[in-house]
PDB file of all heavy atoms in Angstrom:
ATOM      1  N   THR A   1     -22.979 171.165  44.501  1.00  0.00           N
ATOM      2  CA  THR A   1     -24.223 170.412  44.737  1.00  0.00           C
ATOM      3  C   THR A   1     -23.997 169.273  45.712  1.00  0.00           C
ATOM      4  O   THR A   1     -24.772 169.071  46.659  1.00  0.00           O
ATOM      5  CB  THR A   1     -24.765 169.866  43.403  1.00  0.00           C
ATOM      6  OG1 THR A   1     -24.990 170.946  42.495  1.00  0.00           O
ATOM      7  CG2 THR A   1     -26.065 169.097  43.624  1.00  0.00           C
ATOM      8  N   MET A   2     -22.934 168.516  45.514  1.00  0.00           N
ATOM      9  CA  MET A   2     -22.620 167.396  46.407  1.00  0.00           C
ATOM     10  C   MET A   2     -22.325 167.882  47.817  1.00  0.00           C
ATOM     11  O   MET A   2     -22.750 167.251  48.801  1.00  0.00           O
ATOM     12  CB  MET A   2     -21.419 166.627  45.858  1.00  0.00           C
ATOM     13  CG  MET A   2     -21.003 165.429  46.687  1.00  0.00           C
ATOM     14  SD  MET A   2     -19.698 164.468  45.886  1.00  0.00           S
ATOM     15  CE  MET A   2     -18.436 165.718  45.706  1.00  0.00           C
ATOM     16  N   PHE A   3     -21.615 168.996  47.924  1.00  0.00           N
ATOM     17  CA  PHE A   3     -21.240 169.558  49.221  1.00  0.00           C
ATOM     18  C   PHE A   3     -22.471 169.877  50.071  1.00  0.00           C
ATOM     19  O   PHE A   3     -22.438 169.791  51.296  1.00  0.00           O
ATOM     20  CB  PHE A   3     -20.411 170.822  48.989  1.00  0.00           C
ATOM     21  CG  PHE A   3     -19.946 171.501  50.239  1.00  0.00           C
ATOM     22  CD1 PHE A   3     -18.906 170.975  50.983  1.00  0.00           C
ATOM     23  CD2 PHE A   3     -20.554 172.665  50.681  1.00  0.00           C
ATOM     24  CE1 PHE A   3     -18.466 171.601  52.141  1.00  0.00           C
ATOM     25  CE2 PHE A   3     -20.124 173.305  51.832  1.00  0.00           C
ATOM     26  CZ  PHE A   3     -19.081 172.773  52.570  1.00  0.00           C
ATOM     27  N   ILE A   4     -23.574 170.215  49.421  1.00  0.00           N
ATOM     28  CA  ILE A   4     -24.800 170.584  50.139  1.00  0.00           C
ATOM     29  C   ILE A   4     -25.763 169.405  50.270  1.00  0.00           C
ATOM     30  O   ILE A   4     -26.374 169.188  51.323  1.00  0.00           O
ATOM     31  CB  ILE A   4     -25.494 171.760  49.426  1.00  0.00           C
ATOM     32  CG1 ILE A   4     -24.588 172.993  49.441  1.00  0.00           C
ATOM     33  CG2 ILE A   4     -26.843 172.081  50.073  1.00  0.00           C
ATOM     34  CD1 ILE A   4     -25.057 174.115  48.554  1.00  0.00           C
ATOM     35  N   ALA A   5     -25.893 168.609  49.207  1.00  0.00           N
ATOM     36  CA  ALA A   5     -26.934 167.578  49.174  1.00  0.00           C
ATOM     37  C   ALA A   5     -26.641 166.405  50.107  1.00  0.00           C
ATOM     38  O   ALA A   5     -27.558 165.870  50.747  1.00  0.00           O
ATOM     39  CB  ALA A   5     -27.115 167.074  47.741  1.00  0.00           C
ATOM     40  N   VAL A   6     -25.397 165.971  50.198  1.00  0.00           N
ATOM     41  CA  VAL A   6     -25.072 164.785  51.008  1.00  0.00           C
ATOM     42  C   VAL A   6     -25.347 165.018  52.499  1.00  0.00           C
ATOM     43  O   VAL A   6     -26.026 164.199  53.142  1.00  0.00           O
ATOM     44  CB  VAL A   6     -23.619 164.339  50.767  1.00  0.00           C
ATOM     45  CG1 VAL A   6     -23.245 163.191  51.709  1.00  0.00           C
ATOM     46  CG2 VAL A   6     -23.436 163.901  49.327  1.00  0.00           C
ATOM     47  N   PRO A   7     -24.863 166.118  53.111  1.00  0.00           N
ATOM     48  CA  PRO A   7     -25.203 166.325  54.528  1.00  0.00           C
ATOM     49  C   PRO A   7     -26.690 166.583  54.749  1.00  0.00           C
ATOM     50  O   PRO A   7     -27.223 166.228  55.804  1.00  0.00           O
ATOM     51  CB  PRO A   7     -24.363 167.550  54.920  1.00  0.00           C
ATOM     52  CG  PRO A   7     -24.059 168.242  53.645  1.00  0.00           C
ATOM     53  CD  PRO A   7     -23.932 167.157  52.629  1.00  0.00           C
ATOM     54  N   SER A   8     -27.366 167.179  53.757  1.00  0.00           N
ATOM     55  CA  SER A   8     -28.820 167.378  53.882  1.00  0.00           C
ATOM     56  C   SER A   8     -29.532 166.042  53.986  1.00  0.00           C
ATOM     57  O   SER A   8     -30.438 165.861  54.813  1.00  0.00           O
ATOM     58  CB  SER A   8     -29.347 168.168  52.678  1.00  0.00           C
ATOM     59  OG  SER A   8     -28.770 169.452  52.614  1.00  0.00           O
ATOM     60  N   ALA A   9     -29.126 165.087  53.138  1.00  0.00           N
ATOM     61  CA  ALA A   9     -29.727 163.753  53.187  1.00  0.00           C
ATOM     62  C   ALA A   9     -29.443 163.077  54.519  1.00  0.00           C
ATOM     63  O   ALA A   9     -30.331 162.450  55.123  1.00  0.00           O
ATOM     64  CB  ALA A   9     -29.194 162.905  52.035  1.00  0.00           C
ATOM     65  N   ALA A  10     -28.207 163.199  55.003  1.00  0.00           N
ATOM     66  CA  ALA A  10     -27.849 162.586  56.288  1.00  0.00           C
ATOM     67  C   ALA A  10     -28.697 163.142  57.423  1.00  0.00           C
ATOM     68  O   ALA A  10     -29.172 162.402  58.296  1.00  0.00           O
ATOM     69  CB  ALA A  10     -26.360 162.815  56.575  1.00  0.00           C
ATOM     70  N   GLY A  11     -28.908 164.455  57.405  1.00  0.00           N
ATOM     71  CA  GLY A  11     -29.724 165.081  58.445  1.00  0.00           C
ATOM     72  C   GLY A  11     -31.174 164.642  58.398  1.00  0.00           C
ATOM     73  O   GLY A  11     -31.794 164.368  59.438  1.00  0.00           O
ATOM     74  N   LEU A  12     -31.743 164.561  57.196  1.00  0.00           N
ATOM     75  CA  LEU A  12     -33.147 164.148  57.069  1.00  0.00           C
ATOM     76  C   LEU A  12     -33.340 162.696  57.499  1.00  0.00           C
ATOM     77  O   LEU A  12     -34.347 162.356  58.131  1.00  0.00           O
ATOM     78  CB  LEU A  12     -33.619 164.341  55.627  1.00  0.00           C
ATOM     79  CG  LEU A  12     -33.886 165.775  55.179  1.00  0.00           C
ATOM     80  CD1 LEU A  12     -34.274 165.809  53.704  1.00  0.00           C
ATOM     81  CD2 LEU A  12     -34.970 166.428  56.023  1.00  0.00           C
ATOM     82  N   ILE A  13     -32.392 161.844  57.151  1.00  0.00           N
ATOM     83  CA  ILE A  13     -32.503 160.439  57.560  1.00  0.00           C
ATOM     84  C   ILE A  13     -32.424 160.310  59.080  1.00  0.00           C
ATOM     85  O   ILE A  13     -33.193 159.566  59.702  1.00  0.00           O
ATOM     86  CB  ILE A  13     -31.390 159.609  56.884  1.00  0.00           C
ATOM     87  CG1 ILE A  13     -31.646 159.517  55.373  1.00  0.00           C
ATOM     88  CG2 ILE A  13     -31.309 158.212  57.494  1.00  0.00           C
ATOM     89  CD1 ILE A  13     -30.498 158.916  54.588  1.00  0.00           C
ATOM     90  N   ALA A  14     -31.505 161.054  59.692  1.00  0.00           N
ATOM     91  CA  ALA A  14     -31.314 160.955  61.144  1.00  0.00           C
ATOM     92  C   ALA A  14     -32.488 161.534  61.923  1.00  0.00           C
ATOM     93  O   ALA A  14     -32.838 161.032  62.998  1.00  0.00           O
ATOM     94  CB  ALA A  14     -30.023 161.681  61.535  1.00  0.00           C
ATOM     95  N   LEU A  15     -33.129 162.572  61.395  1.00  0.00           N
ATOM     96  CA  LEU A  15     -34.146 163.319  62.146  1.00  0.00           C
ATOM     97  C   LEU A  15     -35.538 163.209  61.527  1.00  0.00           C
ATOM     98  O   LEU A  15     -36.390 164.061  61.774  1.00  0.00           O
ATOM     99  CB  LEU A  15     -33.740 164.800  62.228  1.00  0.00           C
ATOM    100  CG  LEU A  15     -32.388 165.103  62.872  1.00  0.00           C
ATOM    101  CD1 LEU A  15     -32.057 166.585  62.746  1.00  0.00           C
ATOM    102  CD2 LEU A  15     -32.383 164.681  64.338  1.00  0.00           C
ATOM    103  N   ALA A  16     -35.776 162.164  60.753  1.00  0.00           N
ATOM    104  CA  ALA A  16     -37.028 162.065  59.997  1.00  0.00           C
ATOM    105  C   ALA A  16     -38.271 162.180  60.881  1.00  0.00           C
ATOM    106  O   ALA A  16     -39.094 163.088  60.703  1.00  0.00           O
ATOM    107  CB  ALA A  16     -37.056 160.748  59.206  1.00  0.00           C
ATOM    108  N   ASP A  17     -38.443 161.278  61.835  1.00  0.00           N
ATOM    109  CA  ASP A  17     -39.643 161.287  62.673  1.00  0.00           C
ATOM    110  C   ASP A  17     -39.776 162.575  63.497  1.00  0.00           C
ATOM    111  O   ASP A  17     -40.864 163.163  63.556  1.00  0.00           O
ATOM    112  CB  ASP A  17     -39.674 160.067  63.586  1.00  0.00           C
ATOM    113  CG  ASP A  17     -40.095 158.805  62.841  1.00  0.00           C
ATOM    114  OD1 ASP A  17     -40.340 158.892  61.620  1.00  0.00           O
ATOM    115  OD2 ASP A  17     -40.176 157.733  63.466  1.00  0.00           O
ATOM    116  N   PRO A  18     -38.703 163.035  64.171  1.00  0.00           N
ATOM    117  CA  PRO A  18     -38.837 164.274  64.943  1.00  0.00           C
ATOM    118  C   PRO A  18     -39.222 165.487  64.090  1.00  0.00           C
ATOM    119  O   PRO A  18     -40.003 166.333  64.528  1.00  0.00           O
ATOM    120  CB  PRO A  18     -37.441 164.457  65.559  1.00  0.00           C
ATOM    121  CG  PRO A  18     -36.844 163.108  65.583  1.00  0.00           C
ATOM    122  CD  PRO A  18     -37.381 162.406  64.382  1.00  0.00           C
ATOM    123  N   ILE A  19     -38.681 165.580  62.876  1.00  0.00           N
ATOM    124  CA  ILE A  19     -39.018 166.709  62.005  1.00  0.00           C
ATOM    125  C   ILE A  19     -40.476 166.650  61.601  1.00  0.00           C
ATOM    126  O   ILE A  19     -41.197 167.662  61.633  1.00  0.00           O
ATOM    127  CB  ILE A  19     -38.108 166.720  60.765  1.00  0.00           C
ATOM    128  CG1 ILE A  19     -36.678 167.113  61.157  1.00  0.00           C
ATOM    129  CG2 ILE A  19     -38.630 167.693  59.714  1.00  0.00           C
ATOM    130  CD1 ILE A  19     -35.683 167.024  60.016  1.00  0.00           C
ATOM    131  N   VAL A  20     -40.949 165.472  61.207  1.00  0.00           N
ATOM    132  CA  VAL A  20     -42.351 165.321  60.808  1.00  0.00           C
ATOM    133  C   VAL A  20     -43.270 165.664  61.973  1.00  0.00           C
ATOM    134  O   VAL A  20     -44.272 166.369  61.816  1.00  0.00           O
ATOM    135  CB  VAL A  20     -42.629 163.893  60.301  1.00  0.00           C
ATOM    136  CG1 VAL A  20     -44.122 163.697  60.039  1.00  0.00           C
ATOM    137  CG2 VAL A  20     -41.837 163.623  59.019  1.00  0.00           C
ATOM    138  N   ALA A  21     -42.931 165.163  63.160  1.00  0.00           N
ATOM    139  CA  ALA A  21     -43.758 165.449  64.342  1.00  0.00           C
ATOM    140  C   ALA A  21     -43.777 166.937  64.663  1.00  0.00           C
ATOM    141  O   ALA A  21     -44.827 167.511  64.969  1.00  0.00           O
ATOM    142  CB  ALA A  21     -43.239 164.654  65.542  1.00  0.00           C
ATOM    143  N   LEU A  22     -42.612 167.577  64.608  1.00  0.00           N
ATOM    144  CA  LEU A  22     -42.519 169.000  64.911  1.00  0.00           C
ATOM    145  C   LEU A  22     -43.373 169.834  63.962  1.00  0.00           C
ATOM    146  O   LEU A  22     -44.069 170.768  64.384  1.00  0.00           O
ATOM    147  CB  LEU A  22     -41.061 169.450  64.828  1.00  0.00           C
ATOM    148  CG  LEU A  22     -40.790 170.942  65.048  1.00  0.00           C
ATOM    149  CD1 LEU A  22     -41.082 171.340  66.487  1.00  0.00           C
ATOM    150  CD2 LEU A  22     -39.333 171.276  64.694  1.00  0.00           C
ATOM    151  N   LEU A  23     -43.354 169.489  62.685  1.00  0.00           N
ATOM    152  CA  LEU A  23     -44.028 170.321  61.684  1.00  0.00           C
ATOM    153  C   LEU A  23     -45.512 169.996  61.536  1.00  0.00           C
ATOM    154  O   LEU A  23     -46.327 170.896  61.312  1.00  0.00           O
ATOM    155  CB  LEU A  23     -43.329 170.162  60.328  1.00  0.00           C
ATOM    156  CG  LEU A  23     -41.905 170.704  60.241  1.00  0.00           C
ATOM    157  CD1 LEU A  23     -41.288 170.345  58.895  1.00  0.00           C
ATOM    158  CD2 LEU A  23     -41.902 172.212  60.439  1.00  0.00           C
ATOM    159  N   PHE A  24     -45.880 168.725  61.634  1.00  0.00           N
ATOM    160  CA  PHE A  24     -47.224 168.334  61.209  1.00  0.00           C
ATOM    161  C   PHE A  24     -48.121 167.732  62.297  1.00  0.00           C
ATOM    162  O   PHE A  24     -49.339 167.673  62.104  1.00  0.00           O
ATOM    163  CB  PHE A  24     -47.127 167.316  60.063  1.00  0.00           C
ATOM    164  CG  PHE A  24     -46.396 167.832  58.856  1.00  0.00           C
ATOM    165  CD1 PHE A  24     -45.459 167.038  58.212  1.00  0.00           C
ATOM    166  CD2 PHE A  24     -46.641 169.096  58.362  1.00  0.00           C
ATOM    167  CE1 PHE A  24     -44.784 167.502  57.094  1.00  0.00           C
ATOM    168  CE2 PHE A  24     -45.969 169.575  57.246  1.00  0.00           C
ATOM    169  CZ  PHE A  24     -45.044 168.773  56.613  1.00  0.00           C
ATOM    170  N   GLU A  25     -47.574 167.253  63.419  1.00  0.00           N
ATOM    171  CA  GLU A  25     -48.395 166.502  64.379  1.00  0.00           C
ATOM    172  C   GLU A  25     -49.293 167.432  65.184  1.00  0.00           C
ATOM    173  O   GLU A  25     -48.987 167.822  66.309  1.00  0.00           O
ATOM    174  CB  GLU A  25     -47.522 165.675  65.328  1.00  0.00           C
ATOM    175  CG  GLU A  25     -48.346 164.681  66.158  1.00  0.00           C
ATOM    176  CD  GLU A  25     -47.480 163.846  67.079  1.00  0.00           C
ATOM    177  OE1 GLU A  25     -46.259 164.069  67.129  1.00  0.00           O
ATOM    178  OE2 GLU A  25     -48.027 162.957  67.760  1.00  0.00           O
ATOM    179  N   ARG A  26     -50.404 167.748  64.590  1.00  0.00           N
ATOM    180  CA  ARG A  26     -51.433 168.568  65.252  1.00  0.00           C
ATOM    181  C   ARG A  26     -52.715 168.458  64.442  1.00  0.00           C
ATOM    182  O   ARG A  26     -52.691 168.073  63.276  1.00  0.00           O
ATOM    183  CB  ARG A  26     -50.988 170.026  65.373  1.00  0.00           C
ATOM    184  CG  ARG A  26     -50.650 170.709  64.072  1.00  0.00           C
ATOM    185  CD  ARG A  26     -50.074 172.107  64.272  1.00  0.00           C
ATOM    186  NE  ARG A  26     -48.884 172.098  65.088  1.00  0.00           N
ATOM    187  CZ  ARG A  26     -47.656 171.817  64.621  1.00  0.00           C
ATOM    188  NH1 ARG A  26     -47.494 171.523  63.342  1.00  0.00           N
ATOM    189  NH2 ARG A  26     -46.618 171.821  65.420  1.00  0.00           N
ATOM    190  N   GLY A  27     -53.825 168.796  65.057  1.00  0.00           N
ATOM    191  CA  GLY A  27     -55.096 168.765  64.340  1.00  0.00           C
ATOM    192  C   GLY A  27     -55.409 167.379  63.823  1.00  0.00           C
ATOM    193  O   GLY A  27     -55.407 166.390  64.563  1.00  0.00           O
ATOM    194  N   ALA A  28     -55.655 167.297  62.510  1.00  0.00           N
ATOM    195  CA  ALA A  28     -56.044 166.029  61.887  1.00  0.00           C
ATOM    196  C   ALA A  28     -54.869 165.111  61.597  1.00  0.00           C
ATOM    197  O   ALA A  28     -55.065 163.988  61.129  1.00  0.00           O
ATOM    198  CB  ALA A  28     -56.802 166.313  60.578  1.00  0.00           C
ATOM    199  N   PHE A  29     -53.644 165.570  61.878  1.00  0.00           N
ATOM    200  CA  PHE A  29     -52.453 164.774  61.572  1.00  0.00           C
ATOM    201  C   PHE A  29     -52.057 163.985  62.823  1.00  0.00           C
ATOM    202  O   PHE A  29     -51.523 164.532  63.777  1.00  0.00           O
ATOM    203  CB  PHE A  29     -51.305 165.690  61.128  1.00  0.00           C
ATOM    204  CG  PHE A  29     -50.296 165.018  60.241  1.00  0.00           C
ATOM    205  CD1 PHE A  29     -50.449 165.018  58.868  1.00  0.00           C
ATOM    206  CD2 PHE A  29     -49.192 164.376  60.790  1.00  0.00           C
ATOM    207  CE1 PHE A  29     -49.517 164.400  58.045  1.00  0.00           C
ATOM    208  CE2 PHE A  29     -48.252 163.760  59.984  1.00  0.00           C
ATOM    209  CZ  PHE A  29     -48.413 163.770  58.602  1.00  0.00           C
ATOM    210  N   SER A  30     -52.283 162.662  62.784  1.00  0.00           N
ATOM    211  CA  SER A  30     -52.146 161.806  63.965  1.00  0.00           C
ATOM    212  C   SER A  30     -50.720 161.307  64.162  1.00  0.00           C
ATOM    213  O   SER A  30     -49.886 161.386  63.257  1.00  0.00           O
ATOM    214  CB  SER A  30     -53.074 160.594  63.811  1.00  0.00           C
ATOM    215  OG  SER A  30     -52.623 159.781  62.736  1.00  0.00           O
ATOM    216  N   PRO A  31     -50.404 160.733  65.355  1.00  0.00           N
ATOM    217  CA  PRO A  31     -49.081 160.116  65.570  1.00  0.00           C
ATOM    218  C   PRO A  31     -48.798 158.990  64.587  1.00  0.00           C
ATOM    219  O   PRO A  31     -47.641 158.780  64.206  1.00  0.00           O
ATOM    220  CB  PRO A  31     -49.176 159.592  67.009  1.00  0.00           C
ATOM    221  CG  PRO A  31     -50.192 160.467  67.667  1.00  0.00           C
ATOM    222  CD  PRO A  31     -51.195 160.780  66.608  1.00  0.00           C
ATOM    223  N   GLU A  32     -49.835 158.243  64.202  1.00  0.00           N
ATOM    224  CA  GLU A  32     -49.641 157.181  63.216  1.00  0.00           C
ATOM    225  C   GLU A  32     -49.200 157.760  61.867  1.00  0.00           C
ATOM    226  O   GLU A  32     -48.353 157.183  61.176  1.00  0.00           O
ATOM    227  CB  GLU A  32     -50.938 156.384  63.036  1.00  0.00           C
ATOM    228  CG  GLU A  32     -51.333 155.536  64.239  1.00  0.00           C
ATOM    229  CD  GLU A  32     -51.925 156.365  65.389  1.00  0.00           C
ATOM    230  OE1 GLU A  32     -52.331 157.523  65.137  1.00  0.00           O
ATOM    231  OE2 GLU A  32     -51.960 155.857  66.525  1.00  0.00           O
ATOM    232  N   ALA A  33     -49.760 158.921  61.520  1.00  0.00           N
ATOM    233  CA  ALA A  33     -49.366 159.579  60.275  1.00  0.00           C
ATOM    234  C   ALA A  33     -47.921 160.059  60.347  1.00  0.00           C
ATOM    235  O   ALA A  33     -47.211 160.070  59.343  1.00  0.00           O
ATOM    236  CB  ALA A  33     -50.304 160.753  59.980  1.00  0.00           C
ATOM    237  N   VAL A  34     -47.486 160.460  61.542  1.00  0.00           N
ATOM    238  CA  VAL A  34     -46.089 160.890  61.720  1.00  0.00           C
ATOM    239  C   VAL A  34     -45.135 159.739  61.397  1.00  0.00           C
ATOM    240  O   VAL A  34     -44.154 159.899  60.655  1.00  0.00           O
ATOM    241  CB  VAL A  34     -45.852 161.390  63.161  1.00  0.00           C
ATOM    242  CG1 VAL A  34     -44.358 161.574  63.423  1.00  0.00           C
ATOM    243  CG2 VAL A  34     -46.594 162.689  63.404  1.00  0.00           C
ATOM    244  N   VAL A  35     -45.402 158.563  61.960  1.00  0.00           N
ATOM    245  CA  VAL A  35     -44.533 157.407  61.737  1.00  0.00           C
ATOM    246  C   VAL A  35     -44.527 157.007  60.264  1.00  0.00           C
ATOM    247  O   VAL A  35     -43.464 156.746  59.671  1.00  0.00           O
ATOM    248  CB  VAL A  35     -44.983 156.223  62.613  1.00  0.00           C
ATOM    249  CG1 VAL A  35     -44.174 154.970  62.283  1.00  0.00           C
ATOM    250  CG2 VAL A  35     -44.839 156.570  64.089  1.00  0.00           C
ATOM    251  N   ALA A  36     -45.701 156.986  59.649  1.00  0.00           N
ATOM    252  CA  ALA A  36     -45.800 156.587  58.239  1.00  0.00           C
ATOM    253  C   ALA A  36     -45.074 157.583  57.338  1.00  0.00           C
ATOM    254  O   ALA A  36     -44.375 157.194  56.401  1.00  0.00           O
ATOM    255  CB  ALA A  36     -47.269 156.475  57.837  1.00  0.00           C
ATOM    256  N   THR A  37     -45.234 158.873  57.624  1.00  0.00           N
ATOM    257  CA  THR A  37     -44.575 159.903  56.821  1.00  0.00           C
ATOM    258  C   THR A  37     -43.071 159.887  57.050  1.00  0.00           C
ATOM    259  O   THR A  37     -42.279 160.040  56.108  1.00  0.00           O
ATOM    260  CB  THR A  37     -45.148 161.291  57.158  1.00  0.00           C
ATOM    261  OG1 THR A  37     -46.569 161.276  56.953  1.00  0.00           O
ATOM    262  CG2 THR A  37     -44.527 162.371  56.282  1.00  0.00           C
ATOM    263  N   GLY A  38     -42.637 159.690  58.292  1.00  0.00           N
ATOM    264  CA  GLY A  38     -41.213 159.635  58.598  1.00  0.00           C
ATOM    265  C   GLY A  38     -40.515 158.487  57.888  1.00  0.00           C
ATOM    266  O   GLY A  38     -39.388 158.639  57.391  1.00  0.00           O
ATOM    267  N   SER A  39     -41.163 157.341  57.813  1.00  0.00           N
ATOM    268  CA  SER A  39     -40.571 156.190  57.119  1.00  0.00           C
ATOM    269  C   SER A  39     -40.398 156.487  55.633  1.00  0.00           C
ATOM    270  O   SER A  39     -39.371 156.149  55.027  1.00  0.00           O
ATOM    271  CB  SER A  39     -41.455 154.953  57.299  1.00  0.00           C
ATOM    272  OG  SER A  39     -41.575 154.611  58.665  1.00  0.00           O
ATOM    273  N   ALA A  40     -41.397 157.140  55.036  1.00  0.00           N
ATOM    274  CA  ALA A  40     -41.297 157.520  53.627  1.00  0.00           C
ATOM    275  C   ALA A  40     -40.189 158.544  53.410  1.00  0.00           C
ATOM    276  O   ALA A  40     -39.467 158.505  52.405  1.00  0.00           O
ATOM    277  CB  ALA A  40     -42.627 158.070  53.138  1.00  0.00           C
ATOM    278  N   LEU A  41     -40.015 159.457  54.377  1.00  0.00           N
ATOM    279  CA  LEU A  41     -38.979 160.474  54.266  1.00  0.00           C
ATOM    280  C   LEU A  41     -37.580 159.852  54.259  1.00  0.00           C
ATOM    281  O   LEU A  41     -36.700 160.271  53.490  1.00  0.00           O
ATOM    282  CB  LEU A  41     -39.101 161.478  55.406  1.00  0.00           C
ATOM    283  CG  LEU A  41     -38.053 162.593  55.462  1.00  0.00           C
ATOM    284  CD1 LEU A  41     -38.036 163.395  54.167  1.00  0.00           C
ATOM    285  CD2 LEU A  41     -38.309 163.513  56.658  1.00  0.00           C
ATOM    286  N   VAL A  42     -37.358 158.854  55.106  1.00  0.00           N
ATOM    287  CA  VAL A  42     -36.060 158.171  55.124  1.00  0.00           C
ATOM    288  C   VAL A  42     -35.784 157.531  53.759  1.00  0.00           C
ATOM    289  O   VAL A  42     -34.684 157.652  53.198  1.00  0.00           O
ATOM    290  CB  VAL A  42     -36.023 157.100  56.229  1.00  0.00           C
ATOM    291  CG1 VAL A  42     -34.775 156.222  56.094  1.00  0.00           C
ATOM    292  CG2 VAL A  42     -36.062 157.752  57.607  1.00  0.00           C
TER     293      VAL A  42
END
């Protein structure tokens, strides 16, 4: 569990905003929502 979970957390923290933008920034999901969601993800 540790072998998988620790690098997963590191990756999500490092790539939070880009991942949120890639997946959700379209339609009704605004750039402001990307920043707010990315901060919560970190």
